[in-house]
Amino acid sequence: MSQKRVAVADAHRHNDSHEKGRFFQQAALRSSLEAANKKRGESSAQVGLPRFNLDMTKIPVQQSVQPIAAQDSTLEEETPSLQAVQRMEEKPIEAIEGEAVEKLEAAGGTLTGKLQWQGFLPTDLAELATVLLQICQGTAESNDFLKLVFKDVDPGEAAIMSCWEFVFYVAYRAGAIDREYLQTLFKLASQKAKTVYNKILTTTATPLAIRYGGFGSIPILQMKTHQKNALNYAFQGFCQVIEPELGVSTQQKWTEGEIPSGCVVFFNRWLDHTALSLGMKDGQQKILTLWPHPTVVEMNLDDLVTHIVSLRRPKPTIYFTNPPWL
């Protein structure tokens, strides 16, 4: 593939280098584990959250619900600063050239026909509650990618993971990010989920969305127990940390033309489906994806859209972005 690629958006040029444009440097991410944000309040909730609510109205819940960690005045201090996961400003998407993208393509190519897809959250309601609690505790191991980030276990060729975890895994295999980066990122996300869970669980005032500030734009689920509500918001807190690292905060809608190789591609929301662009080949926009096939496959973007529609789902809106780690 030619290293010469056309800029996707050139209407608003900026003088900052690509390195300066990163909002979540590996060094900043790691150092954030050592520093508690004592003055954060809840202002960090301004980061865009996925419009995603869990239907957990039938989840069996323990008779006696206790916070994951004892509540005291130091709870907020246990949560690392989230300033590093917020973009200072939205910047135009530009094609990235050179060795980094070539390594990403090569790493993705070695995974073709390998791995196994599994949705990030289980469909069984009882299992769903268990997985969400494990996410809050930083002990989740419901797929092989989570075993990598929480248990330090290397995935094999038949490893099970979700579509968006696959994108992180390709970047890891390409050397764009390392093991410490992934483990630190998911530790941050887990700690955020735990803080939200404990805060909502021990809150008696209503409505919860108002009490929790930035979550006010998310409809409150009509759940039968306070714990189910807390788990729902905890997962959204988890997503709040993860999604910027996929580039969600700088995504742009795609209508035509090439999505340059190395870009992350979203079908509606990143939680719906996420893939990697391989650029244009033979006049077709290509993607590398872990779904709808059971293993990793290179396919035409239009073919995947057709497949989604064949499932009697609305035609997805396509978004794309440069990942911040390239």
C-alpha atoms as a PDB file:
ATOM      1  CA  MET A   1       0.000   0.000   0.000  1.00  0.00           C
ATOM      2  CA  SER A   2       1.326   3.439  -0.900  1.00  0.00           C
ATOM      3  CA  GLN A   3       2.555   5.513   1.994  1.00  0.00           C
ATOM      4  CA  LYS A   4       1.125   8.572   0.311  1.00  0.00           C
ATOM      5  CA  ARG A   5      -2.425   9.050   1.546  1.00  0.00           C
ATOM      6  CA  VAL A   6      -4.809  11.939   1.146  1.00  0.00           C
ATOM      7  CA  ALA A   7      -5.766  13.941   4.199  1.00  0.00           C
ATOM      8  CA  VAL A   8      -9.319  13.204   5.237  1.00  0.00           C
ATOM      9  CA  ALA A   9     -10.077  16.631   6.549  1.00  0.00           C
ATOM     10  CA  ASP A  10      -8.056  19.653   5.530  1.00  0.00           C
ATOM     11  CA  ALA A  11     -10.582  22.435   5.989  1.00  0.00           C
ATOM     12  CA  HIS A  12      -9.160  23.327   9.381  1.00  0.00           C
ATOM     13  CA  ARG A  13      -5.416  22.880   9.497  1.00  0.00           C
ATOM     14  CA  HIS A  14      -3.636  23.120  12.792  1.00  0.00           C
ATOM     15  CA  ASN A  15       0.017  23.704  13.547  1.00  0.00           C
ATOM     16  CA  ASP A  16       0.345  21.275  16.404  1.00  0.00           C
ATOM     17  CA  SER A  17       2.244  18.094  15.686  1.00  0.00           C
ATOM     18  CA  HIS A  18       0.471  14.759  15.819  1.00  0.00           C
ATOM     19  CA  GLU A  19       2.402  13.858  18.947  1.00  0.00           C
ATOM     20  CA  LYS A  20       1.179  16.988  20.710  1.00  0.00           C
ATOM     21  CA  GLY A  21      -2.353  16.169  19.613  1.00  0.00           C
ATOM     22  CA  ARG A  22      -2.455  13.014  21.682  1.00  0.00           C
ATOM     23  CA  PHE A  23      -4.734  13.352  24.681  1.00  0.00           C
ATOM     24  CA  PHE A  24      -3.707  10.203  26.475  1.00  0.00           C
ATOM     25  CA  GLN A  25       0.037   9.756  26.390  1.00  0.00           C
ATOM     26  CA  GLN A  26       1.307   6.489  27.791  1.00  0.00           C
ATOM     27  CA  ALA A  27       3.439   8.345  30.312  1.00  0.00           C
ATOM     28  CA  ALA A  28       0.492  10.466  31.449  1.00  0.00           C
ATOM     29  CA  LEU A  29      -1.664   7.390  31.755  1.00  0.00           C
ATOM     30  CA  ARG A  30       0.871   5.566  33.913  1.00  0.00           C
ATOM     31  CA  SER A  31       1.635   8.526  36.150  1.00  0.00           C
ATOM     32  CA  SER A  32      -2.078   9.070  36.748  1.00  0.00           C
ATOM     33  CA  LEU A  33      -2.143   5.842  38.719  1.00  0.00           C
ATOM     34  CA  GLU A  34       0.089   7.474  41.332  1.00  0.00           C
ATOM     35  CA  ALA A  35      -1.864  10.708  41.639  1.00  0.00           C
ATOM     36  CA  ALA A  36      -5.356  11.052  43.059  1.00  0.00           C
ATOM     37  CA  ASN A  37      -7.435  13.918  41.772  1.00  0.00           C
ATOM     38  CA  LYS A  38      -8.511  15.421  45.076  1.00  0.00           C
ATOM     39  CA  LYS A  39     -10.237  18.411  43.513  1.00  0.00           C
ATOM     40  CA  ARG A  40     -11.920  16.651  40.648  1.00  0.00           C
ATOM     41  CA  GLY A  41     -15.453  16.773  41.962  1.00  0.00           C
ATOM     42  CA  GLU A  42     -17.539  15.402  39.127  1.00  0.00           C
ATOM     43  CA  SER A  43     -16.467  17.819  36.401  1.00  0.00           C
ATOM     44  CA  SER A  44     -14.854  14.970  34.484  1.00  0.00           C
ATOM     45  CA  ALA A  45     -18.323  13.693  33.655  1.00  0.00           C
ATOM     46  CA  GLN A  46     -18.338  16.206  30.818  1.00  0.00           C
ATOM     47  CA  VAL A  47     -16.562  13.614  28.690  1.00  0.00           C
ATOM     48  CA  GLY A  48     -19.069  12.209  26.220  1.00  0.00           C
ATOM     49  CA  LEU A  49     -20.654   8.986  27.430  1.00  0.00           C
ATOM     50  CA  PRO A  50     -22.060   6.295  25.178  1.00  0.00           C
ATOM     51  CA  ARG A  51     -25.827   6.407  25.008  1.00  0.00           C
ATOM     52  CA  PHE A  52     -26.091   2.913  26.278  1.00  0.00           C
ATOM     53  CA  ASN A  53     -28.292   1.552  29.003  1.00  0.00           C
ATOM     54  CA  LEU A  54     -28.335  -1.963  30.354  1.00  0.00           C
ATOM     55  CA  ASP A  55     -31.645  -3.739  30.664  1.00  0.00           C
ATOM     56  CA  MET A  56     -31.035  -5.445  33.979  1.00  0.00           C
ATOM     57  CA  THR A  57     -34.557  -5.454  35.383  1.00  0.00           C
ATOM     58  CA  LYS A  58     -34.455  -9.220  35.831  1.00  0.00           C
ATOM     59  CA  ILE A  59     -30.986  -9.618  37.264  1.00  0.00           C
ATOM     60  CA  PRO A  60     -31.037 -11.555  40.536  1.00  0.00           C
ATOM     61  CA  VAL A  61     -29.431  -9.456  43.255  1.00  0.00           C
ATOM     62  CA  GLN A  62     -28.042 -10.358  46.651  1.00  0.00           C
ATOM     63  CA  GLN A  63     -30.356  -9.840  49.595  1.00  0.00           C
ATOM     64  CA  SER A  64     -27.796  -7.685  51.351  1.00  0.00           C
ATOM     65  CA  VAL A  65     -25.958  -5.271  49.077  1.00  0.00           C
ATOM     66  CA  GLN A  66     -22.648  -3.855  50.245  1.00  0.00           C
ATOM     67  CA  PRO A  67     -20.295  -1.420  48.539  1.00  0.00           C
ATOM     68  CA  ILE A  68     -17.249  -2.984  46.907  1.00  0.00           C
ATOM     69  CA  ALA A  69     -14.992  -0.937  49.146  1.00  0.00           C
ATOM     70  CA  ALA A  70     -15.854   0.654  52.467  1.00  0.00           C
ATOM     71  CA  GLN A  71     -17.146   4.164  52.011  1.00  0.00           C
ATOM     72  CA  ASP A  72     -15.207   6.919  53.719  1.00  0.00           C
ATOM     73  CA  SER A  73     -13.904  10.382  53.031  1.00  0.00           C
ATOM     74  CA  THR A  74     -10.977   9.001  51.030  1.00  0.00           C
ATOM     75  CA  LEU A  75     -13.056   7.212  48.380  1.00  0.00           C
ATOM     76  CA  GLU A  76     -12.768   9.985  45.836  1.00  0.00           C
ATOM     77  CA  GLU A  77      -9.019  10.106  46.396  1.00  0.00           C
ATOM     78  CA  GLU A  78      -8.701   6.457  45.371  1.00  0.00           C
ATOM     79  CA  THR A  79      -9.732   7.322  41.836  1.00  0.00           C
ATOM     80  CA  PRO A  80      -6.894   8.441  39.529  1.00  0.00           C
ATOM     81  CA  SER A  81      -7.219  11.749  37.771  1.00  0.00           C
ATOM     82  CA  LEU A  82      -9.203  11.624  34.553  1.00  0.00           C
ATOM     83  CA  GLN A  83      -7.782  14.849  33.217  1.00  0.00           C
ATOM     84  CA  ALA A  84      -5.493  12.831  30.949  1.00  0.00           C
ATOM     85  CA  VAL A  85      -8.445  11.187  29.227  1.00  0.00           C
ATOM     86  CA  GLN A  86     -10.069  14.426  28.087  1.00  0.00           C
ATOM     87  CA  ARG A  87      -9.192  16.196  24.862  1.00  0.00           C
ATOM     88  CA  MET A  88      -8.343  19.845  25.167  1.00  0.00           C
ATOM     89  CA  GLU A  89     -10.064  20.538  21.866  1.00  0.00           C
ATOM     90  CA  GLU A  90     -11.406  18.660  18.883  1.00  0.00           C
ATOM     91  CA  LYS A  91      -8.959  18.503  15.999  1.00  0.00           C
ATOM     92  CA  PRO A  92      -9.470  17.550  12.365  1.00  0.00           C
ATOM     93  CA  ILE A  93      -8.809  13.977  11.326  1.00  0.00           C
ATOM     94  CA  GLU A  94      -5.813  13.576   9.085  1.00  0.00           C
ATOM     95  CA  ALA A  95      -4.352  10.521   7.440  1.00  0.00           C
ATOM     96  CA  ILE A  96      -1.313   9.100   9.183  1.00  0.00           C
ATOM     97  CA  GLU A  97       1.638   8.006   7.104  1.00  0.00           C
ATOM     98  CA  GLY A  98       4.562   5.729   7.570  1.00  0.00           C
ATOM     99  CA  GLU A  99       5.829   2.773   9.515  1.00  0.00           C
ATOM    100  CA  ALA A 100       3.283   2.857  12.347  1.00  0.00           C
ATOM    101  CA  VAL A 101       0.363   2.214  10.005  1.00  0.00           C
ATOM    102  CA  GLU A 102       2.298  -0.418   8.062  1.00  0.00           C
ATOM    103  CA  LYS A 103       3.004  -2.284  11.311  1.00  0.00           C
ATOM    104  CA  LEU A 104      -0.678  -2.079  12.223  1.00  0.00           C
ATOM    105  CA  GLU A 105      -1.655  -3.535   8.846  1.00  0.00           C
ATOM    106  CA  ALA A 106       0.917  -6.299   9.183  1.00  0.00           C
ATOM    107  CA  ALA A 107      -0.151  -7.187  12.720  1.00  0.00           C
ATOM    108  CA  GLY A 108      -3.785  -7.305  11.666  1.00  0.00           C
ATOM    109  CA  GLY A 109      -2.908  -9.483   8.699  1.00  0.00           C
ATOM    110  CA  THR A 110      -1.273 -12.079  10.927  1.00  0.00           C
ATOM    111  CA  LEU A 111      -4.559 -12.421  12.836  1.00  0.00           C
ATOM    112  CA  THR A 112      -6.721 -13.108   9.770  1.00  0.00           C
ATOM    113  CA  GLY A 113      -8.639 -16.341  10.309  1.00  0.00           C
ATOM    114  CA  LYS A 114      -7.732 -16.356  13.996  1.00  0.00           C
ATOM    115  CA  LEU A 115      -9.320 -15.268  17.294  1.00  0.00           C
ATOM    116  CA  GLN A 116     -12.980 -15.735  18.170  1.00  0.00           C
ATOM    117  CA  TRP A 117     -15.623 -13.070  18.551  1.00  0.00           C
ATOM    118  CA  GLN A 118     -17.728 -12.730  21.667  1.00  0.00           C
ATOM    119  CA  GLY A 119     -19.787  -9.738  22.740  1.00  0.00           C
ATOM    120  CA  PHE A 120     -18.165  -7.806  25.563  1.00  0.00           C
ATOM    121  CA  LEU A 121     -21.181  -8.215  27.839  1.00  0.00           C
ATOM    122  CA  PRO A 122     -22.940 -11.570  28.241  1.00  0.00           C
ATOM    123  CA  THR A 123     -26.585 -11.896  27.277  1.00  0.00           C
ATOM    124  CA  ASP A 124     -27.454 -14.009  30.301  1.00  0.00           C
ATOM    125  CA  LEU A 125     -28.712 -11.569  32.920  1.00  0.00           C
ATOM    126  CA  ALA A 126     -27.305 -13.354  35.945  1.00  0.00           C
ATOM    127  CA  GLU A 127     -23.905 -13.634  34.260  1.00  0.00           C
ATOM    128  CA  LEU A 128     -24.131  -9.998  33.223  1.00  0.00           C
ATOM    129  CA  ALA A 129     -24.429  -8.871  36.830  1.00  0.00           C
ATOM    130  CA  THR A 130     -21.425 -10.990  37.775  1.00  0.00           C
ATOM    131  CA  VAL A 131     -19.261  -9.596  34.959  1.00  0.00           C
ATOM    132  CA  LEU A 132     -20.179  -5.992  35.796  1.00  0.00           C
ATOM    133  CA  LEU A 133     -19.249  -6.501  39.435  1.00  0.00           C
ATOM    134  CA  GLN A 134     -15.962  -8.064  38.344  1.00  0.00           C
ATOM    135  CA  ILE A 135     -15.278  -5.050  36.125  1.00  0.00           C
ATOM    136  CA  CYS A 136     -15.749  -2.804  39.151  1.00  0.00           C
ATOM    137  CA  GLN A 137     -13.365  -4.991  41.147  1.00  0.00           C
ATOM    138  CA  GLY A 138     -10.772  -5.246  38.355  1.00  0.00           C
ATOM    139  CA  THR A 139     -11.046  -9.036  38.281  1.00  0.00           C
ATOM    140  CA  ALA A 140     -13.059  -9.610  35.084  1.00  0.00           C
ATOM    141  CA  GLU A 141     -11.946 -12.595  33.011  1.00  0.00           C
ATOM    142  CA  SER A 142     -14.996 -13.332  30.869  1.00  0.00           C
ATOM    143  CA  ASN A 143     -12.833 -13.291  27.723  1.00  0.00           C
ATOM    144  CA  ASP A 144      -9.160 -13.674  26.856  1.00  0.00           C
ATOM    145  CA  PHE A 145      -8.511  -9.982  26.333  1.00  0.00           C
ATOM    146  CA  LEU A 146      -9.700  -9.230  29.866  1.00  0.00           C
ATOM    147  CA  LYS A 147      -7.405 -11.996  31.098  1.00  0.00           C
ATOM    148  CA  LEU A 148      -4.549 -10.119  29.406  1.00  0.00           C
ATOM    149  CA  VAL A 149      -5.336  -6.761  31.010  1.00  0.00           C
ATOM    150  CA  PHE A 150      -6.435  -7.982  34.445  1.00  0.00           C
ATOM    151  CA  LYS A 151      -4.589 -11.298  34.857  1.00  0.00           C
ATOM    152  CA  ASP A 152      -1.499 -10.746  32.645  1.00  0.00           C
ATOM    153  CA  VAL A 153      -2.255 -13.890  30.609  1.00  0.00           C
ATOM    154  CA  ASP A 154      -1.207 -13.812  26.941  1.00  0.00           C
ATOM    155  CA  PRO A 155      -4.009 -14.568  24.443  1.00  0.00           C
ATOM    156  CA  GLY A 156      -3.531 -17.480  22.040  1.00  0.00           C
ATOM    157  CA  GLU A 157      -4.499 -17.761  18.379  1.00  0.00           C
ATOM    158  CA  ALA A 158      -8.020 -18.846  19.334  1.00  0.00           C
ATOM    159  CA  ALA A 159      -8.413 -16.106  21.950  1.00  0.00           C
ATOM    160  CA  ILE A 160     -11.935 -14.825  22.593  1.00  0.00           C
ATOM    161  CA  MET A 161     -12.612 -11.084  22.619  1.00  0.00           C
ATOM    162  CA  SER A 162     -15.021  -8.412  21.406  1.00  0.00           C
ATOM    163  CA  CYS A 163     -14.690  -6.304  18.263  1.00  0.00           C
ATOM    164  CA  TRP A 164     -13.401  -3.191  20.028  1.00  0.00           C
ATOM    165  CA  GLU A 165     -10.993  -5.159  22.208  1.00  0.00           C
ATOM    166  CA  PHE A 166      -9.665  -6.622  18.958  1.00  0.00           C
ATOM    167  CA  VAL A 167      -8.681  -3.120  17.813  1.00  0.00           C
ATOM    168  CA  PHE A 168      -6.647  -2.631  20.982  1.00  0.00           C
ATOM    169  CA  TYR A 169      -5.135  -6.089  20.535  1.00  0.00           C
ATOM    170  CA  VAL A 170      -3.980  -5.345  16.979  1.00  0.00           C
ATOM    171  CA  ALA A 171      -2.356  -2.141  18.237  1.00  0.00           C
ATOM    172  CA  TYR A 172      -0.674  -4.161  20.977  1.00  0.00           C
ATOM    173  CA  ARG A 173       0.625  -6.732  18.496  1.00  0.00           C
ATOM    174  CA  ALA A 174       1.885  -3.913  16.244  1.00  0.00           C
ATOM    175  CA  GLY A 175       3.809  -2.277  19.081  1.00  0.00           C
ATOM    176  CA  ALA A 176       1.725   0.905  18.949  1.00  0.00           C
ATOM    177  CA  ILE A 177       0.820   0.317  22.598  1.00  0.00           C
ATOM    178  CA  ASP A 178       2.364  -2.023  25.129  1.00  0.00           C
ATOM    179  CA  ARG A 179       1.101  -4.358  27.817  1.00  0.00           C
ATOM    180  CA  GLU A 180       1.586  -1.805  30.593  1.00  0.00           C
ATOM    181  CA  TYR A 181      -0.457   0.741  28.662  1.00  0.00           C
ATOM    182  CA  LEU A 182      -3.377  -1.671  28.274  1.00  0.00           C
ATOM    183  CA  GLN A 183      -3.276  -2.859  31.850  1.00  0.00           C
ATOM    184  CA  THR A 184      -3.093   0.692  33.171  1.00  0.00           C
ATOM    185  CA  LEU A 185      -5.930   1.859  30.947  1.00  0.00           C
ATOM    186  CA  PHE A 186      -8.237  -0.893  32.113  1.00  0.00           C
ATOM    187  CA  LYS A 187      -7.201  -0.372  35.721  1.00  0.00           C
ATOM    188  CA  LEU A 188      -8.239   3.263  35.391  1.00  0.00           C
ATOM    189  CA  ALA A 189     -11.536   2.228  33.828  1.00  0.00           C
ATOM    190  CA  SER A 190     -12.159  -0.346  36.544  1.00  0.00           C
ATOM    191  CA  GLN A 191     -11.433   2.160  39.290  1.00  0.00           C
ATOM    192  CA  LYS A 192     -13.799   4.644  37.684  1.00  0.00           C
ATOM    193  CA  ALA A 193     -16.502   1.977  37.550  1.00  0.00           C
ATOM    194  CA  LYS A 194     -15.940   1.117  41.210  1.00  0.00           C
ATOM    195  CA  THR A 195     -16.187   4.748  42.286  1.00  0.00           C
ATOM    196  CA  VAL A 196     -19.413   5.261  40.350  1.00  0.00           C
ATOM    197  CA  TYR A 197     -20.849   1.997  41.677  1.00  0.00           C
ATOM    198  CA  ASN A 198     -20.123   2.905  45.291  1.00  0.00           C
ATOM    199  CA  LYS A 199     -21.350   6.452  44.872  1.00  0.00           C
ATOM    200  CA  ILE A 200     -24.676   5.445  43.346  1.00  0.00           C
ATOM    201  CA  LEU A 201     -25.126   2.490  45.709  1.00  0.00           C
ATOM    202  CA  THR A 202     -24.800   4.689  48.773  1.00  0.00           C
ATOM    203  CA  THR A 203     -26.849   7.568  47.383  1.00  0.00           C
ATOM    204  CA  THR A 204     -30.411   7.876  48.614  1.00  0.00           C
ATOM    205  CA  ALA A 205     -31.308  11.186  47.030  1.00  0.00           C
ATOM    206  CA  THR A 206     -33.199  11.181  43.727  1.00  0.00           C
ATOM    207  CA  PRO A 207     -33.018  11.655  40.862  1.00  0.00           C
ATOM    208  CA  LEU A 208     -29.642   9.943  40.701  1.00  0.00           C
ATOM    209  CA  ALA A 209     -28.701  11.596  37.431  1.00  0.00           C
ATOM    210  CA  ILE A 210     -28.936  15.028  39.010  1.00  0.00           C
ATOM    211  CA  ARG A 211     -26.993  13.880  42.064  1.00  0.00           C
ATOM    212  CA  TYR A 212     -24.259  12.520  39.817  1.00  0.00           C
ATOM    213  CA  GLY A 213     -23.898  15.615  37.689  1.00  0.00           C
ATOM    214  CA  GLY A 214     -22.814  14.762  34.141  1.00  0.00           C
ATOM    215  CA  PHE A 215     -24.941  11.646  33.986  1.00  0.00           C
ATOM    216  CA  GLY A 216     -28.005  13.885  33.820  1.00  0.00           C
ATOM    217  CA  SER A 217     -28.200  13.394  30.050  1.00  0.00           C
ATOM    218  CA  ILE A 218     -28.517   9.619  30.477  1.00  0.00           C
ATOM    219  CA  PRO A 219     -32.071   8.390  31.112  1.00  0.00           C
ATOM    220  CA  ILE A 220     -32.429   6.663  34.477  1.00  0.00           C
ATOM    221  CA  LEU A 221     -33.474   3.061  34.163  1.00  0.00           C
ATOM    222  CA  GLN A 222     -36.520   1.964  36.064  1.00  0.00           C
ATOM    223  CA  MET A 223     -34.779  -0.735  38.037  1.00  0.00           C
ATOM    224  CA  LYS A 224     -36.140  -2.641  40.970  1.00  0.00           C
ATOM    225  CA  THR A 225     -33.023  -2.311  43.107  1.00  0.00           C
ATOM    226  CA  HIS A 226     -30.431   0.304  43.836  1.00  0.00           C
ATOM    227  CA  GLN A 227     -27.656  -2.119  42.951  1.00  0.00           C
ATOM    228  CA  LYS A 228     -28.907  -2.595  39.399  1.00  0.00           C
ATOM    229  CA  ASN A 229     -28.923   1.154  38.961  1.00  0.00           C
ATOM    230  CA  ALA A 230     -25.413   1.341  40.357  1.00  0.00           C
ATOM    231  CA  LEU A 231     -24.168  -1.387  37.992  1.00  0.00           C
ATOM    232  CA  ASN A 232     -25.649   0.400  35.000  1.00  0.00           C
ATOM    233  CA  TYR A 233     -23.907   3.659  35.822  1.00  0.00           C
ATOM    234  CA  ALA A 234     -20.716   1.818  36.725  1.00  0.00           C
ATOM    235  CA  PHE A 235     -20.499   0.390  33.229  1.00  0.00           C
ATOM    236  CA  GLN A 236     -21.002   3.827  31.738  1.00  0.00           C
ATOM    237  CA  GLY A 237     -18.186   5.101  33.958  1.00  0.00           C
ATOM    238  CA  PHE A 238     -16.010   2.274  32.632  1.00  0.00           C
ATOM    239  CA  CYS A 239     -16.861   3.285  29.058  1.00  0.00           C
ATOM    240  CA  GLN A 240     -16.095   6.905  29.874  1.00  0.00           C
ATOM    241  CA  VAL A 241     -12.444   5.989  30.328  1.00  0.00           C
ATOM    242  CA  ILE A 242     -12.161   3.477  27.475  1.00  0.00           C
ATOM    243  CA  GLU A 243     -13.853   5.313  24.632  1.00  0.00           C
ATOM    244  CA  PRO A 244     -11.396   8.218  24.248  1.00  0.00           C
ATOM    245  CA  GLU A 245      -8.612   5.707  23.641  1.00  0.00           C
ATOM    246  CA  LEU A 246     -10.481   4.444  20.595  1.00  0.00           C
ATOM    247  CA  GLY A 247     -10.706   8.010  19.302  1.00  0.00           C
ATOM    248  CA  VAL A 248     -14.448   8.394  19.878  1.00  0.00           C
ATOM    249  CA  SER A 249     -14.071  12.011  20.970  1.00  0.00           C
ATOM    250  CA  THR A 250     -12.691  13.008  17.536  1.00  0.00           C
ATOM    251  CA  GLN A 251     -14.745  10.771  15.276  1.00  0.00           C
ATOM    252  CA  GLN A 252     -16.234  12.163  12.075  1.00  0.00           C
ATOM    253  CA  LYS A 253     -19.129  10.909   9.989  1.00  0.00           C
ATOM    254  CA  TRP A 254     -18.156   9.107   6.785  1.00  0.00           C
ATOM    255  CA  THR A 255     -20.193   9.504   3.623  1.00  0.00           C
ATOM    256  CA  GLU A 256     -17.821   8.815   0.728  1.00  0.00           C
ATOM    257  CA  GLY A 257     -14.183   8.577  -0.257  1.00  0.00           C
ATOM    258  CA  GLU A 258     -11.392   6.679   1.406  1.00  0.00           C
ATOM    259  CA  ILE A 259     -11.107   6.019   5.093  1.00  0.00           C
ATOM    260  CA  PRO A 260      -7.300   5.857   5.364  1.00  0.00           C
ATOM    261  CA  SER A 261      -5.676   2.687   6.591  1.00  0.00           C
ATOM    262  CA  GLY A 262      -5.140   2.681  10.333  1.00  0.00           C
ATOM    263  CA  CYS A 263      -8.296   4.613  11.140  1.00  0.00           C
ATOM    264  CA  VAL A 264     -10.760   3.123  13.596  1.00  0.00           C
ATOM    265  CA  VAL A 265     -14.228   2.661  12.111  1.00  0.00           C
ATOM    266  CA  PHE A 266     -17.449   2.754  14.148  1.00  0.00           C
ATOM    267  CA  PHE A 267     -20.796   1.397  13.014  1.00  0.00           C
ATOM    268  CA  ASN A 268     -23.167   3.726  14.852  1.00  0.00           C
ATOM    269  CA  ARG A 269     -21.596   3.588  18.327  1.00  0.00           C
ATOM    270  CA  TRP A 270     -18.327   1.924  19.240  1.00  0.00           C
ATOM    271  CA  LEU A 271     -20.262  -0.470  21.454  1.00  0.00           C
ATOM    272  CA  ASP A 272     -22.331  -1.525  18.422  1.00  0.00           C
ATOM    273  CA  HIS A 273     -19.337  -2.436  16.270  1.00  0.00           C
ATOM    274  CA  THR A 274     -15.751  -1.306  15.837  1.00  0.00           C
ATOM    275  CA  ALA A 275     -13.288  -2.248  13.079  1.00  0.00           C
ATOM    276  CA  LEU A 276      -9.998  -1.121  11.528  1.00  0.00           C
ATOM    277  CA  SER A 277      -9.734   0.517   8.122  1.00  0.00           C
ATOM    278  CA  LEU A 278      -7.356  -0.950   5.558  1.00  0.00           C
ATOM    279  CA  GLY A 279      -7.941   1.849   3.070  1.00  0.00           C
ATOM    280  CA  MET A 280      -9.157   1.467  -0.508  1.00  0.00           C
ATOM    281  CA  LYS A 281      -8.329  -1.640  -2.535  1.00  0.00           C
ATOM    282  CA  ASP A 282      -9.663  -2.203  -6.053  1.00  0.00           C
ATOM    283  CA  GLY A 283     -12.094   0.646  -5.591  1.00  0.00           C
ATOM    284  CA  GLN A 284     -13.573  -0.796  -2.399  1.00  0.00           C
ATOM    285  CA  GLN A 285     -13.217   0.447   1.154  1.00  0.00           C
ATOM    286  CA  LYS A 286     -11.690  -2.411   3.122  1.00  0.00           C
ATOM    287  CA  ILE A 287     -11.863  -3.096   6.835  1.00  0.00           C
ATOM    288  CA  LEU A 288     -10.374  -5.658   9.199  1.00  0.00           C
ATOM    289  CA  THR A 289     -13.034  -6.891  11.561  1.00  0.00           C
ATOM    290  CA  LEU A 290     -13.757  -9.482  14.239  1.00  0.00           C
ATOM    291  CA  TRP A 291     -17.465  -9.862  13.368  1.00  0.00           C
ATOM    292  CA  PRO A 292     -19.767 -10.941  11.730  1.00  0.00           C
ATOM    293  CA  HIS A 293     -17.517 -13.880  10.860  1.00  0.00           C
ATOM    294  CA  PRO A 294     -16.435 -16.024  13.823  1.00  0.00           C
ATOM    295  CA  THR A 295     -12.780 -15.097  13.233  1.00  0.00           C
ATOM    296  CA  VAL A 296     -10.837 -12.064  11.974  1.00  0.00           C
ATOM    297  CA  VAL A 297     -11.556 -11.257   8.329  1.00  0.00           C
ATOM    298  CA  GLU A 298     -10.780  -8.576   5.760  1.00  0.00           C
ATOM    299  CA  MET A 299     -13.943  -7.487   3.967  1.00  0.00           C
ATOM    300  CA  ASN A 300     -15.610  -4.638   2.117  1.00  0.00           C
ATOM    301  CA  LEU A 301     -17.193  -2.050   4.391  1.00  0.00           C
ATOM    302  CA  ASP A 302     -20.276  -2.001   2.138  1.00  0.00           C
ATOM    303  CA  ASP A 303     -20.671  -5.759   2.513  1.00  0.00           C
ATOM    304  CA  LEU A 304     -20.759  -5.455   6.289  1.00  0.00           C
ATOM    305  CA  VAL A 305     -23.364  -2.685   6.044  1.00  0.00           C
ATOM    306  CA  THR A 306     -25.447  -4.967   3.799  1.00  0.00           C
ATOM    307  CA  HIS A 307     -25.104  -7.775   6.339  1.00  0.00           C
ATOM    308  CA  ILE A 308     -26.259  -5.543   9.188  1.00  0.00           C
ATOM    309  CA  VAL A 309     -29.319  -4.490   7.201  1.00  0.00           C
ATOM    310  CA  SER A 310     -30.027  -8.157   6.419  1.00  0.00           C
ATOM    311  CA  LEU A 311     -30.360  -8.708  10.157  1.00  0.00           C
ATOM    312  CA  ARG A 312     -33.336  -6.333  10.035  1.00  0.00           C
ATOM    313  CA  ARG A 313     -31.416  -3.580  11.696  1.00  0.00           C
ATOM    314  CA  PRO A 314     -31.361   0.030  10.484  1.00  0.00           C
ATOM    315  CA  LYS A 315     -28.577   0.936   8.111  1.00  0.00           C
ATOM    316  CA  PRO A 316     -25.702   2.038  10.366  1.00  0.00           C
ATOM    317  CA  THR A 317     -24.121   5.449  10.292  1.00  0.00           C
ATOM    318  CA  ILE A 318     -20.366   5.089   9.766  1.00  0.00           C
ATOM    319  CA  TYR A 319     -17.875   7.143  11.744  1.00  0.00           C
ATOM    320  CA  PHE A 320     -14.090   7.042  11.647  1.00  0.00           C
ATOM    321  CA  THR A 321     -11.141   8.530  13.454  1.00  0.00           C
ATOM    322  CA  ASN A 322      -7.413   8.275  13.952  1.00  0.00           C
ATOM    323  CA  PRO A 323      -6.634   6.342  17.122  1.00  0.00           C
ATOM    324  CA  PRO A 324      -4.660   8.495  19.576  1.00  0.00           C
ATOM    325  CA  TRP A 325      -1.938   5.866  19.926  1.00  0.00           C
ATOM    326  CA  LEU A 326      -0.816   6.011  16.283  1.00  0.00           C
END
